């Protein structure tokens, strides 16, 4: 697509005004100075839609189709639950509108592929709101790797382990058929791709440690990357530890020249050729963020900024629909591996 006129504002509409969408609303308001105008919000629940509209000074709707047709949008931010993503993304694509779809992309691989194909058919810009890679701390790690400080990474452990009560804000988690891997494992699998490259084989073991939960709440995955690197990717909602680093990602990455370790509190230690340095790689609280969620909340703003800049420049987002299929393929491979107790090659969309 062509770049947008730099003098023109980007009109944004948001669909889904629930729990996590509040972070998107604040992020778009913060990005007003960079060309974003939030001109409409929508939710099937009139109370949620009205609260968001009045709270953020914009028109509100209870029918996405009506909002898309009424507001002359450039970009639709879809922050609903994943079972509605395919239909809503199609509404945007059919109108030639750019769309950002909240992760998980969709409940199934087939639906994810369908969303991408529909966008291609209508030549519509499409991205997935995969925010972990845009966290300030993870962007800093990426920059250190790119400098060659530790050499080409050959081994890593990337972990999201918490006992934080995620069910309080999202009680539907108790009854999901697939939970830990699809909800948070997808984030750390994406980071494994960012830091060590594409994956040729996945091994996975899952556990259901909380008897109240229907699906897996813990997963331990081993990835063989095409570069020859190996990573261990872990996620659980059943860790019992003090301090609990929620919602931080902790990691260790090793290369021939040194290593990177990110500890709780967003502290990074880099060792290179016998020397080491330590720095805090997080960021202070924003006016609307609160601990401990501020790590994730700021990542939302960083992600939305990337989406806005990419769209306005006429280029694909780093987490385009096609790119996210590669991450989602790792999710599918992990579930298949857990069932078969074998190594599984990720699917491709071709």
C-alpha atoms as a PDB file:
ATOM      1  CA  UNK A   1       0.000   0.000   0.000  1.00  0.00           C
ATOM      2  CA  UNK A   2       1.027   3.604  -0.453  1.00  0.00           C
ATOM      3  CA  UNK A   3       2.115   5.784   2.448  1.00  0.00           C
ATOM      4  CA  UNK A   4      -0.547   8.061   3.876  1.00  0.00           C
ATOM      5  CA  UNK A   5      -0.276  11.810   3.477  1.00  0.00           C
ATOM      6  CA  UNK A   6       1.823  12.858   6.500  1.00  0.00           C
ATOM      7  CA  UNK A   7      -0.468  15.866   6.999  1.00  0.00           C
ATOM      8  CA  UNK A   8      -3.551  13.656   7.251  1.00  0.00           C
ATOM      9  CA  UNK A   9      -4.804  12.293  10.558  1.00  0.00           C
ATOM     10  CA  UNK A  10      -5.354   8.522  10.918  1.00  0.00           C
ATOM     11  CA  UNK A  11      -8.936   7.803  11.960  1.00  0.00           C
ATOM     12  CA  UNK A  12      -9.124   4.842  14.341  1.00  0.00           C
ATOM     13  CA  UNK A  13     -12.159   2.856  15.467  1.00  0.00           C
ATOM     14  CA  UNK A  14     -11.972   0.307  18.276  1.00  0.00           C
ATOM     15  CA  UNK A  15     -14.236  -2.744  18.530  1.00  0.00           C
ATOM     16  CA  UNK A  16     -14.497  -4.367  21.953  1.00  0.00           C
ATOM     17  CA  UNK A  17     -14.438  -2.285  25.145  1.00  0.00           C
ATOM     18  CA  UNK A  18     -13.724  -4.982  27.721  1.00  0.00           C
ATOM     19  CA  UNK A  19     -11.015  -5.629  30.306  1.00  0.00           C
ATOM     20  CA  UNK A  20      -7.801  -5.368  28.283  1.00  0.00           C
ATOM     21  CA  UNK A  21      -9.178  -2.971  25.668  1.00  0.00           C
ATOM     22  CA  UNK A  22      -8.888  -0.146  28.191  1.00  0.00           C
ATOM     23  CA  UNK A  23      -5.150  -0.194  27.593  1.00  0.00           C
ATOM     24  CA  UNK A  24      -5.708   0.215  23.848  1.00  0.00           C
ATOM     25  CA  UNK A  25      -8.017   3.163  24.472  1.00  0.00           C
ATOM     26  CA  UNK A  26      -5.434   4.938  26.610  1.00  0.00           C
ATOM     27  CA  UNK A  27      -2.696   4.140  24.092  1.00  0.00           C
ATOM     28  CA  UNK A  28      -4.617   5.648  21.182  1.00  0.00           C
ATOM     29  CA  UNK A  29      -5.277   8.776  23.215  1.00  0.00           C
ATOM     30  CA  UNK A  30      -1.547   9.034  23.969  1.00  0.00           C
ATOM     31  CA  UNK A  31      -0.799   8.758  20.241  1.00  0.00           C
ATOM     32  CA  UNK A  32      -2.975  11.715  19.264  1.00  0.00           C
ATOM     33  CA  UNK A  33       0.159  13.814  18.997  1.00  0.00           C
ATOM     34  CA  UNK A  34       1.541  11.375  16.432  1.00  0.00           C
ATOM     35  CA  UNK A  35      -1.431  11.525  14.093  1.00  0.00           C
ATOM     36  CA  UNK A  36      -4.014   9.133  15.576  1.00  0.00           C
ATOM     37  CA  UNK A  37      -7.629  10.164  16.133  1.00  0.00           C
ATOM     38  CA  UNK A  38      -9.864   7.730  18.017  1.00  0.00           C
ATOM     39  CA  UNK A  39     -13.208   8.536  16.376  1.00  0.00           C
ATOM     40  CA  UNK A  40     -15.375   5.623  17.451  1.00  0.00           C
ATOM     41  CA  UNK A  41     -15.684   2.758  19.920  1.00  0.00           C
ATOM     42  CA  UNK A  42     -17.996  -0.227  19.778  1.00  0.00           C
ATOM     43  CA  UNK A  43     -19.176  -2.999  22.060  1.00  0.00           C
ATOM     44  CA  UNK A  44     -22.270  -5.201  21.987  1.00  0.00           C
ATOM     45  CA  UNK A  45     -22.787  -4.272  25.636  1.00  0.00           C
ATOM     46  CA  UNK A  46     -24.256  -0.731  25.559  1.00  0.00           C
ATOM     47  CA  UNK A  47     -22.944   0.062  29.046  1.00  0.00           C
ATOM     48  CA  UNK A  48     -19.359  -0.775  28.067  1.00  0.00           C
ATOM     49  CA  UNK A  49     -19.614   1.075  24.758  1.00  0.00           C
ATOM     50  CA  UNK A  50     -21.077   4.175  26.368  1.00  0.00           C
ATOM     51  CA  UNK A  51     -18.527   4.193  29.189  1.00  0.00           C
ATOM     52  CA  UNK A  52     -15.664   3.986  26.695  1.00  0.00           C
ATOM     53  CA  UNK A  53     -17.168   6.636  24.420  1.00  0.00           C
ATOM     54  CA  UNK A  54     -17.808   9.079  27.219  1.00  0.00           C
ATOM     55  CA  UNK A  55     -14.506   8.323  28.953  1.00  0.00           C
ATOM     56  CA  UNK A  56     -12.452   8.925  25.824  1.00  0.00           C
ATOM     57  CA  UNK A  57     -14.542  11.629  24.212  1.00  0.00           C
ATOM     58  CA  UNK A  58     -15.677   9.817  21.108  1.00  0.00           C
ATOM     59  CA  UNK A  59     -18.822   8.416  19.514  1.00  0.00           C
ATOM     60  CA  UNK A  60     -19.923   4.989  20.652  1.00  0.00           C
ATOM     61  CA  UNK A  61     -21.758   2.166  18.889  1.00  0.00           C
ATOM     62  CA  UNK A  62     -23.164  -1.274  19.637  1.00  0.00           C
ATOM     63  CA  UNK A  63     -22.905  -2.556  16.028  1.00  0.00           C
ATOM     64  CA  UNK A  64     -19.468  -2.768  14.404  1.00  0.00           C
ATOM     65  CA  UNK A  65     -20.911  -2.682  10.905  1.00  0.00           C
ATOM     66  CA  UNK A  66     -22.653   0.619  11.657  1.00  0.00           C
ATOM     67  CA  UNK A  67     -19.481   2.170  13.079  1.00  0.00           C
ATOM     68  CA  UNK A  68     -17.335   1.068  10.140  1.00  0.00           C
ATOM     69  CA  UNK A  69     -19.800   2.545   7.672  1.00  0.00           C
ATOM     70  CA  UNK A  70     -20.395   5.767   9.586  1.00  0.00           C
ATOM     71  CA  UNK A  71     -16.964   6.916  10.700  1.00  0.00           C
ATOM     72  CA  UNK A  72     -14.786   6.956   7.546  1.00  0.00           C
ATOM     73  CA  UNK A  73     -12.106   4.956   9.324  1.00  0.00           C
ATOM     74  CA  UNK A  74      -8.538   4.261   8.275  1.00  0.00           C
ATOM     75  CA  UNK A  75      -7.784   1.647  10.927  1.00  0.00           C
ATOM     76  CA  UNK A  76      -9.918  -0.768  12.961  1.00  0.00           C
ATOM     77  CA  UNK A  77      -8.490  -2.006  16.257  1.00  0.00           C
ATOM     78  CA  UNK A  78     -10.217  -5.322  17.057  1.00  0.00           C
ATOM     79  CA  UNK A  79      -9.926  -6.006  20.794  1.00  0.00           C
ATOM     80  CA  UNK A  80     -12.711  -8.564  21.204  1.00  0.00           C
ATOM     81  CA  UNK A  81     -12.380 -12.216  22.205  1.00  0.00           C
ATOM     82  CA  UNK A  82     -10.804 -14.394  19.558  1.00  0.00           C
ATOM     83  CA  UNK A  83     -13.962 -16.223  18.456  1.00  0.00           C
ATOM     84  CA  UNK A  84     -15.213 -12.992  16.835  1.00  0.00           C
ATOM     85  CA  UNK A  85     -11.989 -12.029  15.065  1.00  0.00           C
ATOM     86  CA  UNK A  86     -12.605 -13.709  11.726  1.00  0.00           C
ATOM     87  CA  UNK A  87     -15.983 -12.031  11.161  1.00  0.00           C
ATOM     88  CA  UNK A  88     -14.831  -8.601  12.333  1.00  0.00           C
ATOM     89  CA  UNK A  89     -11.615  -8.702  10.306  1.00  0.00           C
ATOM     90  CA  UNK A  90     -13.679  -9.596   7.249  1.00  0.00           C
ATOM     91  CA  UNK A  91     -15.899  -6.539   7.812  1.00  0.00           C
ATOM     92  CA  UNK A  92     -12.795  -4.354   7.776  1.00  0.00           C
ATOM     93  CA  UNK A  93     -11.174  -6.066   4.792  1.00  0.00           C
ATOM     94  CA  UNK A  94     -14.321  -5.892   2.669  1.00  0.00           C
ATOM     95  CA  UNK A  95     -14.330  -2.119   3.180  1.00  0.00           C
ATOM     96  CA  UNK A  96     -10.641  -1.807   2.353  1.00  0.00           C
ATOM     97  CA  UNK A  97      -9.833  -0.776   5.921  1.00  0.00           C
ATOM     98  CA  UNK A  98      -6.618  -1.577   7.753  1.00  0.00           C
ATOM     99  CA  UNK A  99      -7.098  -3.820  10.790  1.00  0.00           C
ATOM    100  CA  UNK A 100      -5.161  -4.709  13.913  1.00  0.00           C
ATOM    101  CA  UNK A 101      -6.411  -7.943  15.492  1.00  0.00           C
ATOM    102  CA  UNK A 102      -5.779  -8.699  19.162  1.00  0.00           C
ATOM    103  CA  UNK A 103      -3.898 -11.902  19.870  1.00  0.00           C
ATOM    104  CA  UNK A 104      -4.646 -14.771  19.838  1.00  0.00           C
ATOM    105  CA  UNK A 105      -5.331 -14.230  16.145  1.00  0.00           C
ATOM    106  CA  UNK A 106      -8.231 -16.745  16.198  1.00  0.00           C
ATOM    107  CA  UNK A 107      -9.232 -19.994  17.951  1.00  0.00           C
ATOM    108  CA  UNK A 108      -7.908 -22.233  15.154  1.00  0.00           C
ATOM    109  CA  UNK A 109      -5.187 -22.330  12.526  1.00  0.00           C
ATOM    110  CA  UNK A 110      -7.774 -22.540   9.746  1.00  0.00           C
ATOM    111  CA  UNK A 111      -9.469 -19.327  10.903  1.00  0.00           C
ATOM    112  CA  UNK A 112      -6.120 -17.519  11.116  1.00  0.00           C
ATOM    113  CA  UNK A 113      -5.288 -18.509   7.545  1.00  0.00           C
ATOM    114  CA  UNK A 114      -8.760 -17.419   6.437  1.00  0.00           C
ATOM    115  CA  UNK A 115      -8.310 -13.955   7.981  1.00  0.00           C
ATOM    116  CA  UNK A 116      -4.996 -13.493   6.153  1.00  0.00           C
ATOM    117  CA  UNK A 117      -6.414 -14.689   2.839  1.00  0.00           C
ATOM    118  CA  UNK A 118      -9.442 -12.411   3.101  1.00  0.00           C
ATOM    119  CA  UNK A 119      -7.213  -9.395   3.743  1.00  0.00           C
ATOM    120  CA  UNK A 120      -5.034 -10.345   0.757  1.00  0.00           C
ATOM    121  CA  UNK A 121      -8.085 -10.724  -1.448  1.00  0.00           C
ATOM    122  CA  UNK A 122      -9.204  -7.185  -0.637  1.00  0.00           C
ATOM    123  CA  UNK A 123      -5.628  -5.810  -0.542  1.00  0.00           C
ATOM    124  CA  UNK A 124      -6.194  -4.634   3.009  1.00  0.00           C
ATOM    125  CA  UNK A 125      -3.442  -3.949   5.543  1.00  0.00           C
ATOM    126  CA  UNK A 126      -3.535  -6.453   8.407  1.00  0.00           C
ATOM    127  CA  UNK A 127      -1.549  -6.884  11.621  1.00  0.00           C
ATOM    128  CA  UNK A 128      -1.794  -8.786  14.894  1.00  0.00           C
ATOM    129  CA  UNK A 129      -1.443  -7.028  18.242  1.00  0.00           C
ATOM    130  CA  UNK A 130       1.384  -9.253  19.484  1.00  0.00           C
ATOM    131  CA  UNK A 131       2.706  -6.898  22.148  1.00  0.00           C
ATOM    132  CA  UNK A 132       5.404  -8.793  24.094  1.00  0.00           C
ATOM    133  CA  UNK A 133       8.034  -8.184  21.429  1.00  0.00           C
ATOM    134  CA  UNK A 134       7.344  -4.435  21.678  1.00  0.00           C
ATOM    135  CA  UNK A 135       7.872  -4.237  25.454  1.00  0.00           C
ATOM    136  CA  UNK A 136      10.641  -1.759  26.253  1.00  0.00           C
ATOM    137  CA  UNK A 137      12.726  -4.486  27.911  1.00  0.00           C
ATOM    138  CA  UNK A 138      12.398  -6.930  25.011  1.00  0.00           C
ATOM    139  CA  UNK A 139      13.245  -4.226  22.468  1.00  0.00           C
ATOM    140  CA  UNK A 140      16.408  -3.513  24.461  1.00  0.00           C
ATOM    141  CA  UNK A 141      17.374  -7.203  24.412  1.00  0.00           C
ATOM    142  CA  UNK A 142      16.813  -7.290  20.661  1.00  0.00           C
ATOM    143  CA  UNK A 143      19.102  -4.302  20.145  1.00  0.00           C
ATOM    144  CA  UNK A 144      21.889  -5.910  22.191  1.00  0.00           C
ATOM    145  CA  UNK A 145      21.646  -9.074  20.078  1.00  0.00           C
ATOM    146  CA  UNK A 146      21.726  -7.040  16.875  1.00  0.00           C
ATOM    147  CA  UNK A 147      24.969  -5.331  17.923  1.00  0.00           C
ATOM    148  CA  UNK A 148      26.708  -8.717  17.950  1.00  0.00           C
ATOM    149  CA  UNK A 149      27.736  -8.273  21.587  1.00  0.00           C
ATOM    150  CA  UNK A 150      27.169 -11.951  22.436  1.00  0.00           C
ATOM    151  CA  UNK A 151      27.542 -13.309  18.900  1.00  0.00           C
ATOM    152  CA  UNK A 152      24.800 -15.287  17.184  1.00  0.00           C
ATOM    153  CA  UNK A 153      22.495 -16.726  19.874  1.00  0.00           C
ATOM    154  CA  UNK A 154      22.733 -20.507  20.119  1.00  0.00           C
ATOM    155  CA  UNK A 155      20.693 -21.256  23.271  1.00  0.00           C
ATOM    156  CA  UNK A 156      17.952 -19.540  25.273  1.00  0.00           C
ATOM    157  CA  UNK A 157      15.421 -19.989  28.036  1.00  0.00           C
ATOM    158  CA  UNK A 158      12.413 -17.669  27.823  1.00  0.00           C
ATOM    159  CA  UNK A 159       9.925 -17.896  30.663  1.00  0.00           C
ATOM    160  CA  UNK A 160       6.618 -16.442  31.771  1.00  0.00           C
ATOM    161  CA  UNK A 161       5.941 -17.995  35.162  1.00  0.00           C
ATOM    162  CA  UNK A 162       3.418 -16.481  37.559  1.00  0.00           C
ATOM    163  CA  UNK A 163       0.834 -17.250  40.190  1.00  0.00           C
ATOM    164  CA  UNK A 164      -0.938 -13.924  39.692  1.00  0.00           C
ATOM    165  CA  UNK A 165      -4.724 -14.348  39.698  1.00  0.00           C
ATOM    166  CA  UNK A 166      -5.374 -13.920  35.982  1.00  0.00           C
ATOM    167  CA  UNK A 167      -8.790 -15.543  36.418  1.00  0.00           C
ATOM    168  CA  UNK A 168     -10.178 -12.610  38.396  1.00  0.00           C
ATOM    169  CA  UNK A 169     -10.183 -10.265  35.413  1.00  0.00           C
ATOM    170  CA  UNK A 170     -10.806 -13.007  32.846  1.00  0.00           C
ATOM    171  CA  UNK A 171     -12.985 -15.661  34.546  1.00  0.00           C
ATOM    172  CA  UNK A 172     -13.748 -17.315  31.206  1.00  0.00           C
ATOM    173  CA  UNK A 173     -10.201 -18.725  31.384  1.00  0.00           C
ATOM    174  CA  UNK A 174     -11.526 -21.480  33.652  1.00  0.00           C
ATOM    175  CA  UNK A 175     -13.481 -23.018  30.780  1.00  0.00           C
ATOM    176  CA  UNK A 176     -11.187 -22.504  27.800  1.00  0.00           C
ATOM    177  CA  UNK A 177     -10.377 -25.654  25.836  1.00  0.00           C
ATOM    178  CA  UNK A 178      -6.835 -24.399  25.250  1.00  0.00           C
ATOM    179  CA  UNK A 179      -5.323 -21.983  27.752  1.00  0.00           C
ATOM    180  CA  UNK A 180      -1.696 -21.405  28.731  1.00  0.00           C
ATOM    181  CA  UNK A 181      -0.059 -21.938  25.339  1.00  0.00           C
ATOM    182  CA  UNK A 182      -2.644 -20.043  23.343  1.00  0.00           C
ATOM    183  CA  UNK A 183      -3.033 -17.184  25.820  1.00  0.00           C
ATOM    184  CA  UNK A 184       0.509 -16.435  27.008  1.00  0.00           C
ATOM    185  CA  UNK A 185       2.685 -19.155  25.486  1.00  0.00           C
ATOM    186  CA  UNK A 186       2.066 -17.566  22.113  1.00  0.00           C
ATOM    187  CA  UNK A 187       3.847 -14.443  23.407  1.00  0.00           C
ATOM    188  CA  UNK A 188       6.984 -16.235  24.523  1.00  0.00           C
ATOM    189  CA  UNK A 189       7.028 -18.394  21.394  1.00  0.00           C
ATOM    190  CA  UNK A 190       6.960 -15.183  19.378  1.00  0.00           C
ATOM    191  CA  UNK A 191       9.931 -13.874  21.371  1.00  0.00           C
ATOM    192  CA  UNK A 192      11.835 -17.079  20.606  1.00  0.00           C
ATOM    193  CA  UNK A 193      11.358 -16.346  16.902  1.00  0.00           C
ATOM    194  CA  UNK A 194      12.427 -12.714  17.339  1.00  0.00           C
ATOM    195  CA  UNK A 195      15.627 -13.584  19.225  1.00  0.00           C
ATOM    196  CA  UNK A 196      16.715 -16.879  17.626  1.00  0.00           C
ATOM    197  CA  UNK A 197      14.932 -17.050  14.270  1.00  0.00           C
ATOM    198  CA  UNK A 198      12.486 -19.465  12.699  1.00  0.00           C
ATOM    199  CA  UNK A 199      11.753 -22.905  14.109  1.00  0.00           C
ATOM    200  CA  UNK A 200      11.939 -26.305  12.466  1.00  0.00           C
ATOM    201  CA  UNK A 201      10.783 -28.556  15.310  1.00  0.00           C
ATOM    202  CA  UNK A 202       8.792 -28.251  18.557  1.00  0.00           C
ATOM    203  CA  UNK A 203       8.595 -30.572  21.575  1.00  0.00           C
ATOM    204  CA  UNK A 204       6.055 -29.866  24.309  1.00  0.00           C
ATOM    205  CA  UNK A 205       4.753 -31.239  27.596  1.00  0.00           C
ATOM    206  CA  UNK A 206       1.662 -29.702  29.210  1.00  0.00           C
ATOM    207  CA  UNK A 207       0.202 -29.908  32.717  1.00  0.00           C
ATOM    208  CA  UNK A 208      -3.096 -29.042  34.405  1.00  0.00           C
ATOM    209  CA  UNK A 209      -1.946 -28.166  37.908  1.00  0.00           C
ATOM    210  CA  UNK A 210      -5.052 -26.207  38.935  1.00  0.00           C
ATOM    211  CA  UNK A 211      -8.037 -28.606  39.242  1.00  0.00           C
ATOM    212  CA  UNK A 212     -10.488 -25.737  38.649  1.00  0.00           C
ATOM    213  CA  UNK A 213      -9.129 -25.127  35.152  1.00  0.00           C
ATOM    214  CA  UNK A 214     -10.381 -27.141  32.190  1.00  0.00           C
ATOM    215  CA  UNK A 215      -7.307 -26.848  29.973  1.00  0.00           C
ATOM    216  CA  UNK A 216      -3.533 -26.781  30.418  1.00  0.00           C
ATOM    217  CA  UNK A 217      -2.212 -24.107  32.768  1.00  0.00           C
ATOM    218  CA  UNK A 218       1.463 -24.995  32.309  1.00  0.00           C
ATOM    219  CA  UNK A 219       3.588 -25.787  29.258  1.00  0.00           C
ATOM    220  CA  UNK A 220       7.259 -26.570  28.812  1.00  0.00           C
ATOM    221  CA  UNK A 221       8.451 -26.400  25.212  1.00  0.00           C
ATOM    222  CA  UNK A 222      11.776 -27.068  23.482  1.00  0.00           C
ATOM    223  CA  UNK A 223      12.375 -25.505  20.070  1.00  0.00           C
ATOM    224  CA  UNK A 224      14.991 -26.425  17.486  1.00  0.00           C
ATOM    225  CA  UNK A 225      15.614 -23.348  15.354  1.00  0.00           C
ATOM    226  CA  UNK A 226      16.684 -23.464  11.706  1.00  0.00           C
ATOM    227  CA  UNK A 227      19.959 -21.778  12.729  1.00  0.00           C
ATOM    228  CA  UNK A 228      20.782 -24.766  14.940  1.00  0.00           C
ATOM    229  CA  UNK A 229      19.967 -22.841  18.109  1.00  0.00           C
ATOM    230  CA  UNK A 230      17.828 -24.444  20.805  1.00  0.00           C
ATOM    231  CA  UNK A 231      15.439 -22.630  23.115  1.00  0.00           C
ATOM    232  CA  UNK A 232      13.379 -23.689  26.116  1.00  0.00           C
ATOM    233  CA  UNK A 233      10.087 -21.791  26.288  1.00  0.00           C
ATOM    234  CA  UNK A 234       8.055 -21.968  29.491  1.00  0.00           C
ATOM    235  CA  UNK A 235       4.696 -20.602  30.582  1.00  0.00           C
ATOM    236  CA  UNK A 236       2.498 -21.189  33.596  1.00  0.00           C
ATOM    237  CA  UNK A 237      -0.176 -19.514  35.690  1.00  0.00           C
ATOM    238  CA  UNK A 238       0.567 -21.846  38.623  1.00  0.00           C
ATOM    239  CA  UNK A 239       4.008 -20.733  39.813  1.00  0.00           C
ATOM    240  CA  UNK A 240       4.393 -20.063  43.520  1.00  0.00           C
ATOM    241  CA  UNK A 241       7.322 -17.742  44.055  1.00  0.00           C
ATOM    242  CA  UNK A 242       8.331 -14.585  45.875  1.00  0.00           C
ATOM    243  CA  UNK A 243       8.775 -12.173  44.304  1.00  0.00           C
ATOM    244  CA  UNK A 244       6.308 -12.933  41.526  1.00  0.00           C
ATOM    245  CA  UNK A 245       7.574 -11.156  38.419  1.00  0.00           C
ATOM    246  CA  UNK A 246       4.129 -10.830  36.760  1.00  0.00           C
ATOM    247  CA  UNK A 247       3.775  -9.726  34.003  1.00  0.00           C
ATOM    248  CA  UNK A 248       7.464  -9.709  33.132  1.00  0.00           C
ATOM    249  CA  UNK A 249       9.223 -12.116  30.792  1.00  0.00           C
ATOM    250  CA  UNK A 250      12.438 -13.548  32.222  1.00  0.00           C
ATOM    251  CA  UNK A 251      15.114 -14.900  29.939  1.00  0.00           C
ATOM    252  CA  UNK A 252      18.638 -16.168  29.396  1.00  0.00           C
ATOM    253  CA  UNK A 253      20.253 -16.055  25.963  1.00  0.00           C
ATOM    254  CA  UNK A 254      23.717 -17.437  25.232  1.00  0.00           C
ATOM    255  CA  UNK A 255      26.048 -16.957  22.274  1.00  0.00           C
ATOM    256  CA  UNK A 256      29.724 -17.678  21.556  1.00  0.00           C
ATOM    257  CA  UNK A 257      30.851 -14.307  22.956  1.00  0.00           C
ATOM    258  CA  UNK A 258      28.634 -13.983  26.012  1.00  0.00           C
ATOM    259  CA  UNK A 259      25.105 -13.973  27.379  1.00  0.00           C
ATOM    260  CA  UNK A 260      22.084 -11.843  28.203  1.00  0.00           C
ATOM    261  CA  UNK A 261      20.074 -12.458  31.363  1.00  0.00           C
ATOM    262  CA  UNK A 262      16.873 -10.577  32.210  1.00  0.00           C
ATOM    263  CA  UNK A 263      15.905 -10.905  35.875  1.00  0.00           C
ATOM    264  CA  UNK A 264      12.836  -9.824  37.816  1.00  0.00           C
ATOM    265  CA  UNK A 265      12.507  -6.070  38.049  1.00  0.00           C
ATOM    266  CA  UNK A 266      13.508  -5.737  34.376  1.00  0.00           C
ATOM    267  CA  UNK A 267      17.195  -5.917  35.226  1.00  0.00           C
ATOM    268  CA  UNK A 268      19.444  -7.015  32.362  1.00  0.00           C
ATOM    269  CA  UNK A 269      22.944  -8.414  32.823  1.00  0.00           C
ATOM    270  CA  UNK A 270      25.073  -8.709  29.697  1.00  0.00           C
ATOM    271  CA  UNK A 271      28.310 -10.693  29.756  1.00  0.00           C
ATOM    272  CA  UNK A 272      30.670 -10.374  26.818  1.00  0.00           C
ATOM    273  CA  UNK A 273      34.207 -11.689  26.465  1.00  0.00           C
ATOM    274  CA  UNK A 274      34.791 -11.862  30.203  1.00  0.00           C
ATOM    275  CA  UNK A 275      33.235  -8.490  31.057  1.00  0.00           C
ATOM    276  CA  UNK A 276      29.719  -7.698  32.202  1.00  0.00           C
ATOM    277  CA  UNK A 277      27.395  -4.777  32.753  1.00  0.00           C
ATOM    278  CA  UNK A 278      23.964  -4.451  34.336  1.00  0.00           C
ATOM    279  CA  UNK A 279      21.159  -2.001  33.606  1.00  0.00           C
ATOM    280  CA  UNK A 280      17.482  -1.450  34.269  1.00  0.00           C
ATOM    281  CA  UNK A 281      15.679  -1.862  30.961  1.00  0.00           C
ATOM    282  CA  UNK A 282      12.107  -1.085  31.951  1.00  0.00           C
ATOM    283  CA  UNK A 283      10.359   2.260  32.021  1.00  0.00           C
ATOM    284  CA  UNK A 284       8.598   4.445  34.591  1.00  0.00           C
ATOM    285  CA  UNK A 285       4.857   4.447  35.139  1.00  0.00           C
ATOM    286  CA  UNK A 286       2.727   6.345  32.632  1.00  0.00           C
ATOM    287  CA  UNK A 287      -0.109   8.565  33.815  1.00  0.00           C
ATOM    288  CA  UNK A 288      -2.650   5.787  33.255  1.00  0.00           C
ATOM    289  CA  UNK A 289      -0.629   2.658  34.077  1.00  0.00           C
ATOM    290  CA  UNK A 290      -0.458   0.837  37.406  1.00  0.00           C
ATOM    291  CA  UNK A 291       1.814  -1.782  38.910  1.00  0.00           C
ATOM    292  CA  UNK A 292       2.237  -4.599  38.144  1.00  0.00           C
ATOM    293  CA  UNK A 293       0.380  -4.211  34.837  1.00  0.00           C
ATOM    294  CA  UNK A 294       2.497  -1.247  33.687  1.00  0.00           C
ATOM    295  CA  UNK A 295       4.947  -3.529  31.867  1.00  0.00           C
ATOM    296  CA  UNK A 296       2.177  -4.924  29.685  1.00  0.00           C
ATOM    297  CA  UNK A 297       0.320  -1.618  29.436  1.00  0.00           C
ATOM    298  CA  UNK A 298       3.305   0.267  28.084  1.00  0.00           C
ATOM    299  CA  UNK A 299       3.896  -2.544  25.599  1.00  0.00           C
ATOM    300  CA  UNK A 300       0.387  -1.885  24.256  1.00  0.00           C
ATOM    301  CA  UNK A 301       1.259   1.742  23.591  1.00  0.00           C
ATOM    302  CA  UNK A 302       4.547   0.730  21.955  1.00  0.00           C
ATOM    303  CA  UNK A 303       2.690  -1.765  19.764  1.00  0.00           C
ATOM    304  CA  UNK A 304       0.014   0.736  18.756  1.00  0.00           C
ATOM    305  CA  UNK A 305       2.738   3.247  17.902  1.00  0.00           C
ATOM    306  CA  UNK A 306       4.414   0.667  15.661  1.00  0.00           C
ATOM    307  CA  UNK A 307       1.088  -0.080  13.962  1.00  0.00           C
ATOM    308  CA  UNK A 308       0.386   3.613  13.417  1.00  0.00           C
ATOM    309  CA  UNK A 309       3.852   4.349  12.046  1.00  0.00           C
ATOM    310  CA  UNK A 310       3.827   1.305   9.757  1.00  0.00           C
ATOM    311  CA  UNK A 311       0.404   2.077   8.344  1.00  0.00           C
ATOM    312  CA  UNK A 312       1.207   5.750   7.782  1.00  0.00           C
ATOM    313  CA  UNK A 313       4.480   4.786   6.063  1.00  0.00           C
ATOM    314  CA  UNK A 314       2.730   2.283   3.802  1.00  0.00           C
ATOM    315  CA  UNK A 315       4.694  -0.725   5.004  1.00  0.00           C
ATOM    316  CA  UNK A 316       3.754  -4.012   6.631  1.00  0.00           C
ATOM    317  CA  UNK A 317       3.900  -4.200  10.411  1.00  0.00           C
ATOM    318  CA  UNK A 318       6.538  -6.460  11.951  1.00  0.00           C
ATOM    319  CA  UNK A 319       3.616  -8.516  13.261  1.00  0.00           C
ATOM    320  CA  UNK A 320       1.662  -8.625  10.030  1.00  0.00           C
ATOM    321  CA  UNK A 321      -0.973 -11.298   9.611  1.00  0.00           C
ATOM    322  CA  UNK A 322       1.456 -13.400   7.582  1.00  0.00           C
ATOM    323  CA  UNK A 323       4.200 -13.051  10.182  1.00  0.00           C
ATOM    324  CA  UNK A 324       1.875 -14.026  13.011  1.00  0.00           C
ATOM    325  CA  UNK A 325       0.925 -17.213  11.207  1.00  0.00           C
ATOM    326  CA  UNK A 326       4.518 -18.361  11.833  1.00  0.00           C
ATOM    327  CA  UNK A 327       4.063 -17.792  15.559  1.00  0.00           C
ATOM    328  CA  UNK A 328       0.602 -19.380  15.593  1.00  0.00           C
ATOM    329  CA  UNK A 329       2.084 -22.405  13.809  1.00  0.00           C
ATOM    330  CA  UNK A 330       4.334 -22.923  16.829  1.00  0.00           C
ATOM    331  CA  UNK A 331       1.263 -22.931  19.077  1.00  0.00           C
ATOM    332  CA  UNK A 332      -0.347 -25.610  16.933  1.00  0.00           C
ATOM    333  CA  UNK A 333       2.872 -27.628  16.872  1.00  0.00           C
ATOM    334  CA  UNK A 334       3.131 -27.416  20.671  1.00  0.00           C
ATOM    335  CA  UNK A 335      -0.390 -28.766  21.150  1.00  0.00           C
ATOM    336  CA  UNK A 336       0.207 -31.532  18.597  1.00  0.00           C
ATOM    337  CA  UNK A 337       3.477 -32.470  20.302  1.00  0.00           C
ATOM    338  CA  UNK A 338       1.829 -32.629  23.723  1.00  0.00           C
ATOM    339  CA  UNK A 339      -0.752 -35.052  22.318  1.00  0.00           C
ATOM    340  CA  UNK A 340       1.671 -37.279  20.413  1.00  0.00           C
ATOM    341  CA  UNK A 341       4.752 -36.950  22.645  1.00  0.00           C
ATOM    342  CA  UNK A 342       6.878 -36.399  19.545  1.00  0.00           C
ATOM    343  CA  UNK A 343       8.686 -33.548  17.856  1.00  0.00           C
ATOM    344  CA  UNK A 344       6.396 -31.650  15.443  1.00  0.00           C
ATOM    345  CA  UNK A 345       7.265 -29.471  12.474  1.00  0.00           C
ATOM    346  CA  UNK A 346       5.308 -26.194  12.336  1.00  0.00           C
ATOM    347  CA  UNK A 347       2.629 -25.831   9.677  1.00  0.00           C
ATOM    348  CA  UNK A 348       2.865 -23.433   6.783  1.00  0.00           C
ATOM    349  CA  UNK A 349       0.010 -21.524   5.162  1.00  0.00           C
ATOM    350  CA  UNK A 350       0.983 -22.639   1.643  1.00  0.00           C
END
